[in-house]
Amino acid sequence: MSRRKKILVYSIVFSIISSLLFADSPFDVKIRSDKTNHLETESVSSSQSLSEKQQENNANNQETNIEGTIKVNTTLRLREYPWGPVIGKYTNNTKCTIIGEEGEFYKVSINGVTGYLHKNYVSTDAKPASRIEPDYPGDCKNGGYIAKNTANSPAVNSSTSSSKTDYSITRSSQSSSFMNTNYSFGSPLTTMNVSNLPFKESVIGQKQGDGTAAGAITWAKDQMAGGSKMGFNKNNGKISQNDTCWNHYCAAFIASAWGRQVPQMVGGSAYEQYKNFKRDGMIHLDKNPPAGAIMFTAPTATSKYGHVFMATGEIASNGEPMVITSGWTGHNGISTMTLSQMIGTKNYLGWAFPS
């Protein structure tokens, strides 16, 4: 090989080695010879290798899984989506699992319920809650919400009757909330005709209802799985988070749902309450109760005090009214079912609606 060719080869080799040693990131080098014995290099852009990119993508796609603690003076609203409908309220020091973030909100899971909490009121080990009041859009401060995927849409007002959330809206949009019907007997009756009874956000997380039919139903359903379950049974000192809280305390449960503001329901058993309504000429014997109606079955050999439950205003696909009831031994917690499932073989006494 001539001296000139040797120098050319050495120069190219030196250039390649230098590039490999001092480049910021890996690149490929191709050396080829053409018919004139000329050599040339071809570099690929300096970028991450496929494996490095894959690792980075995997890291970016991992869900956050951080423990958080609610920090509020009263209660914090859990929303279906950022500034969406309220699906629950939780008290100070309630634990949650943060599984994501979206703007001002953490996406969280609380006792199996997924929703969004404002970051300002959730503390983590890395970042304590600021407790700074956010800039609420529309009527969100009062429990209203912004319609989803609607640009510049006004907030839905929580206090105006024409724009209150009704059960039909809540049931279709809040798949994991306490507003979903929990069928405990037989096959689910999926087709529901739902009343336009307003949703009373103000009673969520409270010890009892507010004396209205809407408040009674909302509060009662808030004691079901997925709700705040903060109702208080003053007879045994338990709250609804204890699934045995209302077992065999049906009279106390319905009285509490109505805010203990119904004179005929003050004290006494379910059967005594029935007799009070009957004395006042308020008992109806049909099976078409309005939403919030208080309903009764007679005492039996195994239930000498009778039973009281409440109409939800919903109609099952078979045409029957739906009712909500407290539990008993072997059937803990609050649940909903059709009227015939509730009555079974017991004697139906009728319904009354507080005046």
Protein backbone atom coordinates (compact mmCIF):
# COMPACT_ATOMS: atom_id res chain seq x y z
CA MET A 1 0.00 0.00 0.00
CA SER A 2 1.37 3.41 -0.89
CA ARG A 3 2.28 5.94 1.76
CA ARG A 4 -0.53 8.19 0.59
CA LYS A 5 -3.18 5.50 0.99
CA LYS A 6 -1.87 4.54 4.43
CA ILE A 7 -2.17 8.14 5.63
CA LEU A 8 -5.74 8.33 4.27
CA VAL A 9 -6.78 5.09 6.01
CA TYR A 10 -5.16 6.09 9.32
CA SER A 11 -6.94 9.46 9.19
CA ILE A 12 -10.35 7.87 8.65
CA VAL A 13 -9.82 5.28 11.40
CA PHE A 14 -8.67 8.00 13.82
CA SER A 15 -11.76 10.07 12.97
CA ILE A 16 -14.09 7.14 13.61
CA ILE A 17 -12.46 6.22 16.93
CA SER A 18 -12.58 9.84 18.12
CA SER A 19 -16.26 10.08 17.27
CA LEU A 20 -17.03 6.90 19.18
CA LEU A 21 -15.13 8.00 22.26
CA PHE A 22 -16.36 11.57 22.55
CA ALA A 23 -19.86 11.64 21.09
CA ASP A 24 -22.67 12.63 23.50
CA SER A 25 -24.80 9.61 22.60
CA PRO A 26 -24.44 6.41 20.56
CA PHE A 27 -24.50 6.47 16.76
CA ASP A 28 -23.96 3.96 14.03
CA VAL A 29 -21.03 4.09 11.63
CA LYS A 30 -20.98 2.47 8.26
CA ILE A 31 -17.82 2.09 6.21
CA ARG A 32 -18.02 1.14 2.61
CA SER A 33 -15.60 1.04 -0.27
CA ASP A 34 -16.53 1.99 -3.79
CA LYS A 35 -14.78 1.08 -6.98
CA THR A 36 -12.29 3.90 -6.57
CA ASN A 37 -11.19 2.63 -3.14
CA HIS A 38 -12.62 5.75 -1.44
CA LEU A 39 -14.00 5.24 2.08
CA GLU A 40 -16.86 7.25 3.62
CA THR A 41 -18.68 7.33 6.93
CA GLU A 42 -22.42 7.61 7.50
CA SER A 43 -23.66 8.53 10.95
CA VAL A 44 -27.15 8.14 12.31
CA SER A 45 -28.52 11.06 14.36
CA SER A 46 -27.35 11.07 17.96
CA SER A 47 -30.46 9.83 19.80
CA GLN A 48 -31.38 7.42 22.56
CA SER A 49 -31.30 3.73 21.83
CA LEU A 50 -34.57 1.85 21.51
CA SER A 51 -34.21 0.24 24.93
CA GLU A 52 -33.60 3.62 26.59
CA LYS A 53 -36.64 5.11 24.90
CA GLN A 54 -38.74 2.16 25.98
CA GLN A 55 -37.61 2.56 29.59
CA GLU A 56 -38.48 6.25 29.52
CA ASN A 57 -41.93 5.60 28.03
CA ASN A 58 -42.63 2.95 30.64
CA ALA A 59 -41.69 5.36 33.41
CA ASN A 60 -43.92 8.08 31.97
CA ASN A 61 -46.87 5.72 31.67
CA GLN A 62 -46.74 4.47 35.25
CA GLU A 63 -49.69 5.58 37.40
CA THR A 64 -49.02 7.57 40.50
CA ASN A 65 -49.71 5.55 43.64
CA ILE A 66 -49.25 7.86 46.60
CA GLU A 67 -51.02 7.94 49.94
CA GLY A 68 -52.75 11.21 50.72
CA THR A 69 -54.70 12.69 53.64
CA ILE A 70 -57.60 15.12 53.40
CA LYS A 71 -57.04 18.34 55.36
CA VAL A 72 -60.17 20.43 55.83
CA ASN A 73 -62.12 22.10 58.62
CA THR A 74 -65.42 20.48 57.66
CA THR A 75 -65.70 18.19 54.61
CA LEU A 76 -64.12 17.99 51.16
CA ARG A 77 -66.12 17.25 48.03
CA LEU A 78 -65.17 14.28 45.88
CA ARG A 79 -66.11 15.06 42.28
CA GLU A 80 -66.75 12.80 39.30
CA TYR A 81 -64.18 14.79 37.27
CA PRO A 82 -62.40 18.14 37.86
CA TRP A 83 -65.16 20.60 38.86
CA GLY A 84 -67.68 17.87 38.00
CA PRO A 85 -70.73 16.67 39.96
CA VAL A 86 -70.19 15.93 43.64
CA ILE A 87 -70.24 12.19 44.35
CA GLY A 88 -69.25 12.26 48.01
CA LYS A 89 -67.97 14.34 50.90
CA TYR A 90 -65.18 13.31 53.24
CA THR A 91 -64.06 14.61 56.60
CA ASN A 92 -60.68 15.79 57.86
CA ASN A 93 -57.89 13.17 58.01
CA THR A 94 -59.69 10.76 55.65
CA LYS A 95 -57.07 8.67 53.84
CA CYS A 96 -57.01 8.38 50.06
CA THR A 97 -54.79 6.84 47.40
CA ILE A 98 -53.63 9.26 44.71
CA ILE A 99 -53.63 7.47 41.37
CA GLY A 100 -53.18 10.43 39.03
CA GLU A 101 -53.32 14.19 38.54
CA GLU A 102 -55.34 16.50 36.33
CA GLY A 103 -54.81 20.24 36.62
CA GLU A 104 -55.80 21.43 40.10
CA PHE A 105 -57.05 17.99 41.12
CA TYR A 106 -55.73 14.66 42.27
CA LYS A 107 -57.43 11.58 40.91
CA VAL A 108 -57.97 9.45 44.00
CA SER A 109 -59.48 6.25 45.27
CA ILE A 110 -61.29 6.22 48.63
CA ASN A 111 -62.67 2.91 49.85
CA GLY A 112 -63.07 1.72 46.27
CA VAL A 113 -64.67 4.95 45.02
CA THR A 114 -62.71 6.82 42.33
CA GLY A 115 -63.04 10.57 41.87
CA TYR A 116 -61.21 13.89 42.06
CA LEU A 117 -60.16 15.96 45.08
CA HIS A 118 -58.73 19.48 44.91
CA LYS A 119 -54.99 19.41 45.54
CA ASN A 120 -55.12 22.34 47.99
CA TYR A 121 -56.83 20.13 50.56
CA VAL A 122 -54.85 16.90 50.22
CA SER A 123 -51.53 16.36 52.00
CA THR A 124 -48.82 13.94 50.93
CA ASP A 125 -45.42 13.21 52.46
CA ALA A 126 -43.81 15.36 49.77
CA LYS A 127 -46.31 18.21 49.74
CA PRO A 128 -48.57 19.33 52.60
CA ALA A 129 -52.02 20.73 51.81
CA SER A 130 -51.94 24.51 51.37
CA ARG A 131 -55.61 24.87 52.37
CA ILE A 132 -55.75 27.96 50.15
CA GLU A 133 -59.25 28.48 48.79
CA PRO A 134 -59.21 27.90 45.03
CA ASP A 135 -60.74 30.13 42.39
CA TYR A 136 -64.08 28.33 42.07
CA PRO A 137 -65.66 28.46 38.62
CA GLY A 138 -69.37 29.26 38.45
CA ASP A 139 -71.33 27.89 41.41
CA CYS A 140 -68.81 25.15 42.26
CA LYS A 141 -68.15 26.72 45.66
CA ASN A 142 -71.75 25.97 46.62
CA GLY A 143 -71.71 22.42 45.30
CA GLY A 144 -72.48 23.17 41.64
CA TYR A 145 -70.43 21.79 38.78
CA ILE A 146 -69.18 22.47 35.26
CA ALA A 147 -70.70 20.33 32.51
CA LYS A 148 -68.11 17.94 31.07
CA ASN A 149 -66.65 18.52 27.59
CA THR A 150 -68.67 21.69 27.09
CA ALA A 151 -66.50 24.67 26.27
CA ASN A 152 -67.30 27.79 28.31
CA SER A 153 -70.38 26.15 29.73
CA PRO A 154 -71.94 27.74 32.81
CA ALA A 155 -71.69 25.94 36.10
CA VAL A 156 -74.78 24.04 37.17
CA ASN A 157 -76.23 25.73 40.22
CA SER A 158 -76.75 23.53 43.26
CA SER A 159 -79.47 25.68 44.80
CA THR A 160 -81.74 26.52 41.86
CA SER A 161 -84.51 23.95 41.49
CA SER A 162 -84.53 24.16 37.69
CA SER A 163 -80.89 23.13 37.51
CA LYS A 164 -80.47 20.76 40.43
CA THR A 165 -79.00 17.40 39.64
CA ASP A 166 -81.73 14.77 39.53
CA TYR A 167 -81.31 11.06 40.01
CA SER A 168 -81.50 10.31 36.28
CA ILE A 169 -78.47 12.49 35.63
CA THR A 170 -76.58 11.24 38.64
CA ARG A 171 -77.19 7.57 37.95
CA SER A 172 -76.03 7.79 34.34
CA SER A 173 -72.90 9.84 34.99
CA GLN A 174 -71.59 8.59 38.32
CA SER A 175 -70.90 4.94 37.77
CA SER A 176 -69.01 4.50 41.02
CA SER A 177 -71.00 6.76 43.31
CA PHE A 178 -73.43 5.94 46.08
CA MET A 179 -76.31 7.01 43.82
CA ASN A 180 -76.10 3.72 41.93
CA THR A 181 -78.76 1.25 42.93
CA ASN A 182 -77.43 -1.67 44.96
CA TYR A 183 -79.71 -4.64 44.31
CA SER A 184 -79.47 -7.17 47.09
CA PHE A 185 -82.07 -9.71 46.07
CA GLY A 186 -82.81 -11.48 42.81
CA SER A 187 -81.59 -10.31 39.39
CA PRO A 188 -80.81 -6.63 38.78
CA LEU A 189 -83.65 -4.75 37.10
CA THR A 190 -81.56 -2.59 34.84
CA THR A 191 -84.26 -0.46 33.18
CA MET A 192 -85.20 2.29 35.57
CA ASN A 193 -87.72 5.11 35.35
CA VAL A 194 -86.38 7.74 37.71
CA SER A 195 -88.17 10.61 39.40
CA ASN A 196 -86.97 14.20 39.07
CA LEU A 197 -86.49 14.51 42.80
CA PRO A 198 -83.58 16.92 43.35
CA PHE A 199 -80.28 15.71 44.69
CA LYS A 200 -79.51 17.42 48.02
CA GLU A 201 -75.74 17.84 48.13
CA SER A 202 -76.02 19.62 51.48
CA VAL A 203 -76.90 16.42 53.40
CA ILE A 204 -73.95 14.35 52.14
CA GLY A 205 -71.60 13.56 55.00
CA GLN A 206 -74.12 14.70 57.63
CA LYS A 207 -75.36 12.80 60.68
CA GLN A 208 -78.96 12.94 59.43
CA GLY A 209 -81.20 14.37 56.72
CA ASP A 210 -82.75 17.83 56.58
CA GLY A 211 -86.48 17.18 56.90
CA THR A 212 -87.20 17.07 53.14
CA ALA A 213 -87.96 14.13 50.86
CA ALA A 214 -84.97 14.95 48.64
CA GLY A 215 -82.75 15.20 51.69
CA ALA A 216 -84.09 11.94 53.09
CA ILE A 217 -83.35 9.94 49.94
CA THR A 218 -79.96 11.55 49.30
CA TRP A 219 -78.88 11.03 52.91
CA ALA A 220 -80.11 7.43 52.95
CA LYS A 221 -78.21 6.58 49.76
CA ASP A 222 -75.12 8.31 51.16
CA GLN A 223 -75.07 5.56 53.80
CA MET A 224 -74.64 2.89 51.12
CA ALA A 225 -71.36 1.51 49.77
CA GLY A 226 -69.53 4.31 47.98
CA GLY A 227 -71.11 7.08 50.07
CA SER A 228 -69.55 8.98 52.94
CA LYS A 229 -71.43 6.72 55.41
CA MET A 230 -71.29 9.38 58.13
CA GLY A 231 -74.84 8.94 59.38
CA PHE A 232 -75.05 8.65 63.17
CA ASN A 233 -77.25 6.24 65.11
CA LYS A 234 -77.73 7.86 68.50
CA ASN A 235 -79.21 4.63 69.85
CA ASN A 236 -75.94 2.71 69.71
CA GLY A 237 -73.38 5.47 69.09
CA LYS A 238 -72.24 3.97 65.76
CA ILE A 239 -71.85 5.64 62.36
CA SER A 240 -72.76 4.06 59.04
CA GLN A 241 -69.15 3.16 58.25
CA ASN A 242 -69.82 0.31 60.66
CA ASP A 243 -72.01 -1.96 58.55
CA THR A 244 -73.98 -3.08 61.60
CA CYS A 245 -74.80 0.52 62.58
CA TRP A 246 -78.47 0.34 61.58
CA ASN A 247 -79.12 -3.39 61.98
CA HIS A 248 -82.53 -3.76 63.72
CA TYR A 249 -82.80 0.04 63.96
CA CYS A 250 -85.06 0.60 60.96
CA ALA A 251 -87.22 3.16 62.80
CA ALA A 252 -84.14 5.17 63.79
CA PHE A 253 -82.73 4.96 60.25
CA ILE A 254 -85.83 6.35 58.51
CA ALA A 255 -86.37 8.94 61.26
CA SER A 256 -82.76 10.08 60.80
CA ALA A 257 -83.17 10.20 57.01
CA TRP A 258 -86.03 12.65 57.55
CA GLY A 259 -83.87 14.68 59.94
CA ARG A 260 -85.84 13.53 63.00
CA GLN A 261 -88.37 16.22 62.10
CA VAL A 262 -91.44 14.00 61.61
CA PRO A 263 -93.61 14.06 64.78
CA GLN A 264 -95.13 10.64 64.12
CA MET A 265 -91.64 9.09 64.08
CA VAL A 266 -90.32 10.43 67.38
CA GLY A 267 -89.28 7.41 69.44
CA GLY A 268 -90.89 4.02 69.41
CA SER A 269 -90.74 1.04 67.08
CA ALA A 270 -91.66 0.82 63.42
CA TYR A 271 -95.11 -0.50 64.32
CA GLU A 272 -95.68 2.30 66.82
CA GLN A 273 -94.74 4.83 64.14
CA TYR A 274 -97.23 3.21 61.78
CA LYS A 275 -99.96 3.52 64.41
CA ASN A 276 -99.10 7.21 64.86
CA PHE A 277 -99.54 7.85 61.12
CA LYS A 278 -102.75 5.80 61.08
CA ARG A 279 -104.11 7.76 64.05
CA ASP A 280 -103.54 10.95 62.08
CA GLY A 281 -105.27 9.58 58.99
CA MET A 282 -102.10 9.57 56.87
CA ILE A 283 -101.84 5.90 55.81
CA HIS A 284 -102.37 4.96 52.15
CA LEU A 285 -102.87 1.30 51.28
CA ASP A 286 -101.86 1.35 47.61
CA LYS A 287 -98.42 0.33 46.34
CA ASN A 288 -97.67 3.52 44.40
CA PRO A 289 -95.76 5.61 46.96
CA PRO A 290 -94.21 8.98 46.08
CA ALA A 291 -90.49 9.52 46.48
CA GLY A 292 -89.59 9.73 50.16
CA ALA A 293 -92.76 8.01 51.37
CA ILE A 294 -92.40 6.09 54.63
CA MET A 295 -93.59 2.49 54.24
CA PHE A 296 -94.50 -0.25 56.72
CA THR A 297 -94.90 -4.00 57.12
CA ALA A 298 -96.59 -5.62 60.10
CA PRO A 299 -94.91 -7.43 63.02
CA THR A 300 -94.09 -11.10 62.54
CA ALA A 301 -93.04 -13.95 64.80
CA THR A 302 -89.39 -13.11 64.13
CA SER A 303 -89.82 -9.32 63.96
CA LYS A 304 -92.26 -8.29 66.66
CA TYR A 305 -91.73 -4.54 66.08
CA GLY A 306 -92.56 -4.54 62.37
CA HIS A 307 -90.42 -2.89 59.73
CA VAL A 308 -90.21 0.59 58.19
CA PHE A 309 -88.44 1.57 54.97
CA MET A 310 -88.65 4.32 52.34
CA ALA A 311 -89.63 4.73 48.68
CA THR A 312 -86.80 6.09 46.52
CA GLY A 313 -89.03 7.44 43.72
CA GLU A 314 -87.50 4.97 41.26
CA ILE A 315 -89.52 2.42 39.30
CA ALA A 316 -87.99 -0.92 38.31
CA SER A 317 -88.40 -2.34 34.80
CA ASN A 318 -91.16 -4.63 36.04
CA GLY A 319 -93.19 -1.59 37.14
CA GLU A 320 -92.55 -1.95 40.86
CA PRO A 321 -91.42 0.91 43.10
CA MET A 322 -87.92 0.71 44.54
CA VAL A 323 -87.34 1.08 48.27
CA ILE A 324 -84.31 1.63 50.50
CA THR A 325 -83.95 -0.23 53.79
CA SER A 326 -81.63 -0.71 56.74
CA GLY A 327 -80.21 -4.14 57.52
CA TRP A 328 -80.59 -6.98 59.95
CA THR A 329 -78.53 -9.97 61.14
CA GLY A 330 -76.97 -11.61 58.11
CA HIS A 331 -77.87 -8.67 55.87
CA ASN A 332 -75.70 -5.79 57.05
CA GLY A 333 -75.72 -2.27 55.69
CA ILE A 334 -78.13 -0.19 53.64
CA SER A 335 -79.55 -1.54 50.38
CA THR A 336 -82.27 -1.00 47.79
CA MET A 337 -84.69 -3.50 46.29
CA THR A 338 -88.17 -3.73 44.79
CA LEU A 339 -91.21 -3.42 47.01
CA SER A 340 -92.17 -7.08 46.55
CA GLN A 341 -88.66 -8.18 47.49
CA MET A 342 -88.93 -6.07 50.62
CA ILE A 343 -92.38 -7.32 51.62
CA GLY A 344 -91.78 -11.00 50.90
CA THR A 345 -94.33 -12.94 52.94
CA LYS A 346 -94.92 -10.12 55.44
CA ASN A 347 -98.16 -8.17 55.72
CA TYR A 348 -97.96 -4.81 53.93
CA LEU A 349 -99.48 -1.98 55.97
CA GLY A 350 -99.19 0.92 53.51
CA TRP A 351 -97.30 4.20 53.26
CA ALA A 352 -97.41 7.74 54.66
CA PHE A 353 -95.89 10.99 53.49
CA PRO A 354 -94.87 13.53 56.13
CA SER A 355 -96.87 16.73 55.90
